[in-house]
Amino acid sequence: MRELLRSTTAYRKYAEDAAGGCVAHTTLVLFSDEPLLRPLLKECAKAFFGAKDGDRTDALIEKESYSDCIFYPAAGEKYTADGVGELIDESLLLPLEGAKKLFVLDAFQTATPIVQNKLLKVLEEPPEGVFFLLGATAEHAVLSTVLSRAKKFVCVPFSEERIEAALRRRYGDAKEVSEAAAASGGLYSAAEALLAGGGEFDLAERFLLGEETEKICREMTDKRIRPFLSAVRLCVRDALFFQQNTKGSRQSASCRQIAQSYPAGVLLAAEKFVSDAERDIKFNVNPGQAALALARRIQREKRLWLR
């Protein structure tokens, strides 16, 4: 995992700035793979402090217990105005182990405008030796006033090859590694969820074949929607491959049935519809509603093609 995170643009550029002693007082990392955002910020924090793999600083930052590296909010907790007030007070205290202090603000896309506004002054003019590292999954959730005060690094989605290599390092030659990587949409966490055997591929096939579509949508959760949409994309892609007599990742009877049920133009449109649904999820659209809207758009496109 460390190797994968260190391959990101954000890590490489932040590490270069740290090595050159030119880290911005406020840096914003945009990374859409939400479950990996905090681990990525930890790797950046280690680079900031010049930690070496396996040394004391590395271990303490990994456990979020290094005195001069403060993570906020605590894992699983939310931003609060009181908590931000305490953070600002903490920024006024001198570092304990060195000459600099780093505040790592995870999941900043969940911080309310009130919280973000409260941070503006300290982000723009932090005390001597104090730095801020913000992480968010979406830029639209960050106030323009915060953006104007931060140096921004954007992580592009991982390549299919890089995700597959990371999965094989962790799971070896486990079954369906290649198709999980292909369906991931550039998100390692989505590939891992698919590989975990949550039945997303079978669910996606049933969804596209119109089997209990509304039931599937009603049962969709925040945790499941991303790997589900990734599985739908792969099923659509493989149905197209089947129509073109090209080998895809999945060669099931259901894949063949999907290919026979949809004109190629509908399958091509469906790929775009999946991307639209993924974008809607980033804007906090209800997962069940997003899945149902996707089903209706695909069926509407199919009716247009069959007229």
Protein backbone atom coordinates (compact mmCIF):
# COMPACT_ATOMS: atom_id res chain seq x y z
CA MET A 1 0.00 0.00 0.00
CA ARG A 2 2.83 2.38 0.87
CA GLU A 3 4.30 1.92 -2.60
CA LEU A 4 0.95 2.73 -4.22
CA LEU A 5 0.39 5.88 -2.14
CA ARG A 6 3.90 7.11 -2.79
CA SER A 7 3.29 6.85 -6.53
CA THR A 8 0.67 9.63 -6.37
CA THR A 9 1.38 13.09 -7.70
CA ALA A 10 0.53 14.64 -4.35
CA TYR A 11 3.01 12.56 -2.39
CA ARG A 12 5.85 12.99 -4.88
CA LYS A 13 5.44 16.78 -5.10
CA TYR A 14 4.93 17.26 -1.37
CA ALA A 15 7.97 15.11 -0.62
CA GLU A 16 10.01 17.17 -3.08
CA ASP A 17 8.89 20.39 -1.38
CA ALA A 18 9.75 18.92 2.03
CA ALA A 19 13.19 17.82 0.89
CA GLY A 20 13.80 21.27 -0.58
CA GLY A 21 12.55 23.09 2.51
CA CYS A 22 9.84 24.90 0.56
CA VAL A 23 6.59 23.38 1.86
CA ALA A 24 3.71 25.86 1.65
CA HIS A 25 2.20 26.87 5.00
CA THR A 26 -1.10 25.42 3.78
CA THR A 27 -1.31 22.53 1.32
CA LEU A 28 -4.48 20.91 0.00
CA VAL A 29 -4.39 17.34 -1.34
CA LEU A 30 -7.34 16.32 -3.52
CA PHE A 31 -7.69 12.54 -3.68
CA SER A 32 -10.96 10.86 -4.67
CA ASP A 33 -10.16 7.45 -3.13
CA GLU A 34 -11.69 8.31 0.25
CA PRO A 35 -10.63 5.25 2.30
CA LEU A 36 -7.01 5.92 1.31
CA LEU A 37 -7.03 9.67 1.94
CA ARG A 38 -5.89 9.51 5.57
CA PRO A 39 -3.16 6.92 4.81
CA LEU A 40 -1.91 9.20 1.99
CA LEU A 41 -1.81 12.19 4.33
CA LYS A 42 0.23 10.10 6.79
CA GLU A 43 2.78 9.34 4.08
CA CYS A 44 2.99 13.05 3.25
CA ALA A 45 3.43 13.87 6.95
CA LYS A 46 6.30 11.40 7.20
CA ALA A 47 7.97 13.10 4.24
CA PHE A 48 7.42 16.49 5.91
CA PHE A 49 9.34 15.35 9.01
CA GLY A 50 11.95 13.42 7.02
CA ALA A 51 10.97 10.11 8.57
CA LYS A 52 12.73 6.96 7.38
CA ASP A 53 10.84 3.71 6.88
CA GLY A 54 10.67 1.87 10.18
CA ASP A 55 12.16 4.60 12.36
CA ARG A 56 10.58 6.11 15.45
CA THR A 57 9.01 9.09 13.66
CA ASP A 58 7.57 6.83 10.97
CA ALA A 59 5.98 4.56 13.57
CA LEU A 60 4.59 7.39 15.69
CA ILE A 61 3.03 9.22 12.73
CA GLU A 62 1.49 5.95 11.56
CA LYS A 63 -0.13 5.62 15.01
CA GLU A 64 -1.04 9.35 15.00
CA SER A 65 0.89 9.86 18.23
CA TYR A 66 3.85 12.00 17.12
CA SER A 67 3.70 15.09 19.32
CA ASP A 68 4.43 17.63 16.57
CA CYS A 69 2.01 16.08 14.03
CA ILE A 70 -1.62 16.60 15.02
CA PHE A 71 -4.36 14.79 13.11
CA TYR A 72 -7.87 16.30 13.20
CA PRO A 73 -10.54 15.15 13.50
CA ALA A 74 -9.82 11.85 15.22
CA ALA A 75 -10.55 8.84 13.03
CA GLY A 76 -14.31 8.34 12.73
CA GLU A 77 -15.18 11.71 14.27
CA LYS A 78 -16.48 14.95 12.72
CA TYR A 79 -15.35 18.55 12.50
CA THR A 80 -16.79 20.82 15.19
CA ALA A 81 -16.41 24.53 15.86
CA ASP A 82 -15.15 23.77 19.39
CA GLY A 83 -12.63 21.28 18.08
CA VAL A 84 -11.29 23.77 15.56
CA GLY A 85 -11.01 26.36 18.33
CA GLU A 86 -8.85 23.94 20.35
CA LEU A 87 -6.76 23.24 17.24
CA ILE A 88 -6.12 26.97 16.75
CA ASP A 89 -5.10 27.27 20.40
CA GLU A 90 -2.76 24.29 19.95
CA SER A 91 -1.10 26.00 16.97
CA LEU A 92 0.11 28.75 19.31
CA LEU A 93 2.14 26.29 21.39
CA LEU A 94 5.77 25.62 20.50
CA PRO A 95 6.75 22.27 18.92
CA LEU A 96 8.06 19.68 21.40
CA GLU A 97 10.60 17.75 19.33
CA GLY A 98 11.80 20.09 16.62
CA ALA A 99 11.35 23.49 15.04
CA LYS A 100 8.10 22.84 13.17
CA LYS A 101 4.61 21.55 13.72
CA LEU A 102 2.18 20.00 11.22
CA PHE A 103 -1.61 19.91 11.49
CA VAL A 104 -3.18 17.26 9.27
CA LEU A 105 -6.87 17.93 8.53
CA ASP A 106 -8.46 14.81 7.06
CA ALA A 107 -11.75 14.61 5.09
CA PHE A 108 -11.87 18.37 4.75
CA GLN A 109 -14.78 18.04 2.32
CA THR A 110 -16.93 17.27 5.38
CA ALA A 111 -16.01 20.50 7.19
CA THR A 112 -18.94 22.94 7.25
CA PRO A 113 -18.57 26.48 5.89
CA ILE A 114 -18.65 27.75 9.50
CA VAL A 115 -15.70 25.52 10.40
CA GLN A 116 -13.77 26.40 7.25
CA ASN A 117 -14.31 30.12 7.81
CA LYS A 118 -13.08 29.81 11.38
CA LEU A 119 -9.80 28.40 10.07
CA LEU A 120 -9.18 31.10 7.46
CA LYS A 121 -6.98 33.38 9.53
CA VAL A 122 -4.67 30.66 10.82
CA LEU A 123 -4.42 29.07 7.35
CA GLU A 124 -3.36 32.39 5.86
CA GLU A 125 -1.06 33.54 8.67
CA PRO A 126 -0.06 30.55 10.80
CA PRO A 127 2.34 30.98 13.73
CA GLU A 128 6.05 30.59 13.03
CA GLY A 129 6.94 26.98 12.21
CA VAL A 130 3.32 25.85 11.88
CA PHE A 131 2.08 24.15 8.71
CA PHE A 132 -1.28 22.74 7.60
CA LEU A 133 -1.91 19.72 5.38
CA LEU A 134 -5.54 19.44 4.26
CA GLY A 135 -7.00 16.41 2.52
CA ALA A 136 -10.31 16.33 0.62
CA THR A 137 -12.02 14.03 -1.86
CA ALA A 138 -13.69 16.84 -3.83
CA GLU A 139 -12.68 20.42 -4.55
CA HIS A 140 -16.26 21.74 -4.78
CA ALA A 141 -16.72 21.15 -1.04
CA VAL A 142 -13.80 23.45 -0.16
CA LEU A 143 -14.55 27.17 0.11
CA SER A 144 -12.90 29.39 -2.49
CA THR A 145 -11.43 31.44 0.35
CA VAL A 146 -9.64 28.31 1.60
CA LEU A 147 -8.54 27.33 -1.90
CA SER A 148 -6.98 30.75 -2.40
CA ARG A 149 -4.81 30.22 0.68
CA ALA A 150 -3.57 26.73 -0.17
CA LYS A 151 -1.11 25.14 -2.54
CA LYS A 152 -3.13 22.44 -4.30
CA PHE A 153 -2.03 18.98 -5.38
CA VAL A 154 -4.50 16.84 -7.36
CA CYS A 155 -4.13 13.05 -7.49
CA VAL A 156 -5.21 11.49 -10.78
CA PRO A 157 -6.93 8.07 -10.61
CA PHE A 158 -4.60 5.09 -10.43
CA SER A 159 -3.99 3.16 -13.64
CA GLU A 160 -5.51 -0.29 -13.95
CA GLU A 161 -2.00 -1.78 -14.09
CA ARG A 162 -0.87 -0.04 -10.90
CA ILE A 163 -3.98 -1.16 -9.02
CA GLU A 164 -3.57 -4.75 -10.20
CA ALA A 165 0.07 -4.76 -9.11
CA ALA A 166 -0.91 -3.43 -5.66
CA LEU A 167 -3.64 -6.05 -5.32
CA ARG A 168 -1.24 -8.84 -6.25
CA ARG A 169 1.28 -7.63 -3.69
CA ARG A 170 -1.40 -7.96 -1.03
CA TYR A 171 -3.50 -10.91 -2.24
CA GLY A 172 -1.13 -12.82 -4.48
CA ASP A 173 -2.79 -14.46 -7.47
CA ALA A 174 -6.25 -14.41 -5.93
CA LYS A 175 -9.13 -15.07 -8.28
CA GLU A 176 -10.65 -12.02 -10.03
CA VAL A 177 -7.73 -9.67 -9.28
CA SER A 178 -7.55 -8.55 -12.91
CA GLU A 179 -11.26 -7.90 -13.27
CA ALA A 180 -11.41 -6.09 -9.93
CA ALA A 181 -8.63 -3.79 -11.14
CA ALA A 182 -10.37 -3.32 -14.48
CA ALA A 183 -13.65 -2.39 -12.78
CA SER A 184 -12.12 -0.08 -10.18
CA GLY A 185 -12.44 3.18 -12.10
CA GLY A 186 -9.02 4.18 -10.79
CA LEU A 187 -9.97 3.68 -7.11
CA TYR A 188 -7.92 1.08 -5.26
CA SER A 189 -10.52 0.87 -2.49
CA ALA A 190 -13.22 0.01 -5.04
CA ALA A 191 -11.05 -2.76 -6.48
CA GLU A 192 -10.42 -4.15 -3.00
CA ALA A 193 -14.14 -4.07 -2.19
CA LEU A 194 -14.88 -5.98 -5.39
CA LEU A 195 -12.17 -8.49 -4.62
CA ALA A 196 -13.53 -9.02 -1.12
CA GLY A 197 -16.39 -10.97 -2.67
CA GLY A 198 -19.32 -8.70 -1.92
CA GLY A 199 -21.18 -10.11 -4.92
CA GLU A 200 -21.02 -6.80 -6.80
CA PHE A 201 -20.47 -8.38 -10.23
CA ASP A 202 -23.48 -10.66 -9.93
CA LEU A 203 -25.51 -7.75 -8.56
CA ALA A 204 -24.47 -5.55 -11.50
CA GLU A 205 -25.47 -8.24 -14.00
CA ARG A 206 -28.89 -8.63 -12.40
CA PHE A 207 -29.26 -4.84 -12.35
CA LEU A 208 -28.55 -4.58 -16.10
CA LEU A 209 -30.87 -7.47 -16.87
CA GLY A 210 -33.71 -5.77 -15.00
CA GLU A 211 -33.94 -8.40 -12.29
CA GLU A 212 -35.25 -6.87 -9.04
CA THR A 213 -33.83 -3.47 -10.05
CA GLU A 214 -35.84 -1.47 -7.52
CA LYS A 215 -34.96 -3.92 -4.73
CA ILE A 216 -31.25 -3.62 -5.57
CA CYS A 217 -31.50 0.18 -5.53
CA ARG A 218 -33.32 0.24 -2.20
CA GLU A 219 -30.60 -1.87 -0.60
CA MET A 220 -27.74 0.26 -1.93
CA THR A 221 -25.58 1.86 0.77
CA ASP A 222 -22.87 4.53 0.88
CA LYS A 223 -20.25 1.82 1.35
CA ARG A 224 -21.48 -0.33 -1.52
CA ILE A 225 -22.39 2.17 -4.23
CA ARG A 226 -18.87 2.85 -5.55
CA PRO A 227 -17.83 -0.79 -6.07
CA PHE A 228 -21.31 -1.50 -7.46
CA LEU A 229 -21.00 1.25 -10.07
CA SER A 230 -17.52 0.01 -10.93
CA ALA A 231 -18.94 -3.48 -11.47
CA VAL A 232 -21.73 -2.10 -13.68
CA ARG A 233 -19.10 -0.32 -15.80
CA LEU A 234 -17.11 -3.51 -16.27
CA CYS A 235 -20.21 -5.54 -17.15
CA VAL A 236 -21.18 -2.93 -19.75
CA ARG A 237 -17.66 -2.89 -21.17
CA ASP A 238 -17.49 -6.68 -21.38
CA ALA A 239 -20.89 -6.83 -23.08
CA LEU A 240 -19.46 -4.49 -25.72
CA PHE A 241 -16.42 -6.75 -26.07
CA PHE A 242 -18.72 -9.72 -26.47
CA GLN A 243 -20.60 -7.99 -29.28
CA GLN A 244 -17.28 -7.31 -31.00
CA ASN A 245 -16.09 -10.90 -30.50
CA THR A 246 -13.29 -9.59 -28.27
CA LYS A 247 -12.35 -11.25 -25.00
CA GLY A 248 -13.23 -9.19 -21.92
CA SER A 249 -12.79 -9.80 -18.21
CA ARG A 250 -16.08 -11.67 -17.73
CA GLN A 251 -17.43 -14.31 -20.06
CA SER A 252 -20.45 -15.43 -18.07
CA ALA A 253 -23.82 -16.42 -19.49
CA SER A 254 -25.25 -13.23 -17.96
CA CYS A 255 -22.65 -11.15 -19.81
CA ARG A 256 -23.71 -12.81 -23.04
CA GLN A 257 -27.35 -12.09 -22.21
CA ILE A 258 -26.60 -8.42 -21.53
CA ALA A 259 -24.79 -8.16 -24.86
CA GLN A 260 -27.80 -9.64 -26.61
CA SER A 261 -30.26 -7.39 -24.75
CA TYR A 262 -28.71 -4.00 -25.50
CA PRO A 263 -27.72 -2.29 -28.76
CA ALA A 264 -24.07 -1.20 -28.80
CA GLY A 265 -25.13 2.46 -28.73
CA VAL A 266 -26.98 1.91 -25.45
CA LEU A 267 -23.97 0.21 -23.87
CA LEU A 268 -21.73 3.09 -24.92
CA ALA A 269 -24.20 5.57 -23.43
CA ALA A 270 -24.44 3.46 -20.26
CA GLU A 271 -20.70 3.90 -19.63
CA LYS A 272 -21.22 7.66 -19.59
CA PHE A 273 -24.29 7.29 -17.37
CA VAL A 274 -22.20 5.35 -14.84
CA SER A 275 -19.64 8.18 -14.79
CA ASP A 276 -22.48 10.66 -14.22
CA ALA A 277 -23.75 8.55 -11.31
CA GLU A 278 -20.26 8.48 -9.77
CA ARG A 279 -20.09 12.26 -10.05
CA ASP A 280 -23.50 12.57 -8.37
CA ILE A 281 -22.27 10.41 -5.49
CA LYS A 282 -19.41 12.86 -4.94
CA PHE A 283 -22.08 15.54 -4.46
CA ASN A 284 -23.67 13.40 -1.73
CA VAL A 285 -26.64 12.16 -3.76
CA ASN A 286 -28.45 9.31 -1.99
CA PRO A 287 -26.90 6.03 -3.27
CA GLY A 288 -30.27 4.35 -3.84
CA GLN A 289 -31.55 7.33 -5.81
CA ALA A 290 -28.35 7.44 -7.87
CA ALA A 291 -28.66 3.74 -8.74
CA LEU A 292 -32.36 4.07 -9.63
CA ALA A 293 -31.68 7.13 -11.80
CA LEU A 294 -28.96 5.16 -13.58
CA ALA A 295 -31.33 2.26 -14.26
CA ARG A 296 -34.00 4.58 -15.63
CA ARG A 297 -31.53 6.42 -17.89
CA ILE A 298 -30.27 3.13 -19.35
CA GLN A 299 -33.78 1.82 -19.97
CA ARG A 300 -34.86 5.14 -21.49
CA GLU A 301 -31.88 5.03 -23.86
CA LYS A 302 -32.73 1.45 -24.78
CA ARG A 303 -36.32 2.38 -25.68
CA LEU A 304 -35.03 5.19 -27.91
CA TRP A 305 -32.72 2.83 -29.77
CA LEU A 306 -35.40 0.19 -30.25
CA ARG A 307 -37.97 2.52 -31.77
